[in-house]
Amino acid sequence: MFNYRNYLFFLGASLVISIGLQMVLPFPYGLVTALGIFIAFPLFLRKRYMSRMGGYGGNSGTKGGGFFGMSSPRDSISVKYVCLVCNNKHKGGTCPRCGSKTQRADF
């Protein structure tokens, strides 16, 4: 899971590495590599944390934290409807028991 202390540690480590590269490399190259490391390293950490949680829509088949909370694969989403006339649970547009189209969604 996400640990704030580890994130600050890795952010500080990337800062130290980028400052060290600025001292070793000449001016334009050191600045470009330092900015690249300072931007790419938190993105790498975020990708690692999200892959652990099962986000980013991987093929692992596990539910995980996405942008809007817990996500699940498209195949397992099934919306059932409850007929308001006869209270029958079914899939589809009309009730198979009474033929009514008045229904509410049941998740």
Protein backbone atom coordinates (compact mmCIF):
# COMPACT_ATOMS: atom_id res chain seq x y z
CA MET A 1 0.00 0.00 0.00
CA PHE A 2 0.94 3.62 -0.12
CA ASN A 3 3.31 4.68 2.62
CA TYR A 4 3.94 8.39 2.97
CA ARG A 5 7.33 7.90 4.63
CA ASN A 6 8.57 5.71 1.76
CA TYR A 7 7.28 8.21 -0.79
CA LEU A 8 9.17 11.07 0.90
CA PHE A 9 12.28 8.90 1.15
CA PHE A 10 12.25 8.10 -2.56
CA LEU A 11 11.45 11.70 -3.43
CA GLY A 12 14.44 12.85 -1.36
CA ALA A 13 16.63 10.19 -2.95
CA SER A 14 15.66 11.37 -6.42
CA LEU A 15 16.47 14.94 -5.37
CA VAL A 16 19.93 13.88 -4.12
CA ILE A 17 20.62 11.91 -7.30
CA SER A 18 19.52 14.81 -9.50
CA ILE A 19 21.70 17.31 -7.60
CA GLY A 20 24.63 14.89 -7.85
CA LEU A 21 24.12 14.59 -11.61
CA GLN A 22 24.02 18.37 -11.92
CA MET A 23 27.44 18.58 -10.28
CA VAL A 24 28.95 15.86 -12.48
CA LEU A 25 27.43 16.66 -15.90
CA PRO A 26 27.85 19.98 -17.77
CA PHE A 27 25.12 22.63 -17.41
CA PRO A 28 22.40 21.88 -19.98
CA TYR A 29 22.73 18.09 -19.75
CA GLY A 30 22.74 18.00 -15.96
CA LEU A 31 19.65 20.19 -15.74
CA VAL A 32 17.73 18.12 -18.27
CA THR A 33 18.59 14.82 -16.60
CA ALA A 34 17.81 16.21 -13.14
CA LEU A 35 14.38 17.41 -14.27
CA GLY A 36 13.78 14.11 -16.02
CA ILE A 37 14.62 12.10 -12.91
CA PHE A 38 12.65 14.40 -10.62
CA ILE A 39 9.56 14.04 -12.86
CA ALA A 40 9.91 10.38 -13.88
CA PHE A 41 10.67 8.91 -10.46
CA PRO A 42 7.35 9.82 -8.76
CA LEU A 43 5.53 8.60 -11.88
CA PHE A 44 7.36 5.28 -11.57
CA LEU A 45 6.41 5.02 -7.89
CA ARG A 46 2.78 5.81 -8.63
CA LYS A 47 2.69 3.14 -11.33
CA ARG A 48 4.22 0.62 -8.93
CA TYR A 49 1.70 1.40 -6.19
CA MET A 50 -1.23 1.27 -8.61
CA SER A 51 -0.11 -2.07 -10.04
CA ARG A 52 0.04 -3.45 -6.49
CA MET A 53 -3.52 -2.29 -5.86
CA GLY A 54 -4.72 -3.69 -9.18
CA GLY A 55 -5.49 -0.36 -10.82
CA TYR A 56 -4.70 0.69 -14.38
CA GLY A 57 -6.88 -2.11 -15.79
CA GLY A 58 -4.34 -4.91 -15.79
CA ASN A 59 -5.19 -8.46 -16.82
CA SER A 60 -4.76 -9.76 -13.30
CA GLY A 61 -8.52 -10.09 -12.84
CA THR A 62 -8.41 -8.64 -9.35
CA LYS A 63 -10.46 -5.75 -8.20
CA GLY A 64 -8.46 -2.70 -7.31
CA GLY A 65 -8.50 0.97 -6.62
CA GLY A 66 -9.02 3.00 -9.72
CA PHE A 67 -9.79 6.67 -10.20
CA PHE A 68 -13.41 6.26 -9.06
CA GLY A 69 -12.82 3.63 -6.37
CA MET A 70 -13.07 -0.11 -6.67
CA SER A 71 -13.19 -1.23 -10.27
CA SER A 72 -14.07 -4.56 -11.80
CA PRO A 73 -13.72 -6.09 -15.26
CA ARG A 74 -16.47 -5.48 -17.80
CA ASP A 75 -17.48 -9.13 -17.94
CA SER A 76 -18.49 -9.33 -14.29
CA ILE A 77 -20.73 -6.24 -14.35
CA SER A 78 -24.33 -7.38 -14.44
CA VAL A 79 -27.20 -5.02 -13.80
CA LYS A 80 -30.41 -6.70 -12.75
CA TYR A 81 -33.77 -5.01 -12.90
CA VAL A 82 -36.73 -5.32 -10.54
CA CYS A 83 -40.20 -5.03 -12.04
CA LEU A 84 -42.29 -2.43 -10.21
CA VAL A 85 -45.55 -4.24 -11.01
CA CYS A 86 -44.84 -7.85 -9.98
CA ASN A 87 -41.51 -7.39 -8.09
CA ASN A 88 -39.71 -9.93 -10.31
CA LYS A 89 -35.89 -9.73 -10.68
CA HIS A 90 -34.74 -10.10 -14.27
CA LYS A 91 -32.26 -8.97 -16.91
CA GLY A 92 -33.30 -6.98 -19.95
CA GLY A 93 -35.87 -4.39 -20.94
CA THR A 94 -39.24 -5.93 -20.21
CA CYS A 95 -40.37 -8.20 -17.41
CA PRO A 96 -40.65 -11.82 -18.60
CA ARG A 97 -43.44 -12.54 -16.12
CA CYS A 98 -45.91 -9.69 -16.74
CA GLY A 99 -44.42 -7.82 -19.76
CA SER A 100 -44.26 -4.48 -17.97
CA LYS A 101 -41.55 -1.95 -18.84
CA THR A 102 -41.66 -0.14 -15.49
CA GLN A 103 -38.58 -1.24 -13.58
CA ARG A 104 -35.77 -0.06 -11.36
CA ALA A 105 -32.12 -1.03 -11.45
CA ASP A 106 -30.81 -3.36 -8.76
CA PHE A 107 -27.01 -3.45 -8.39
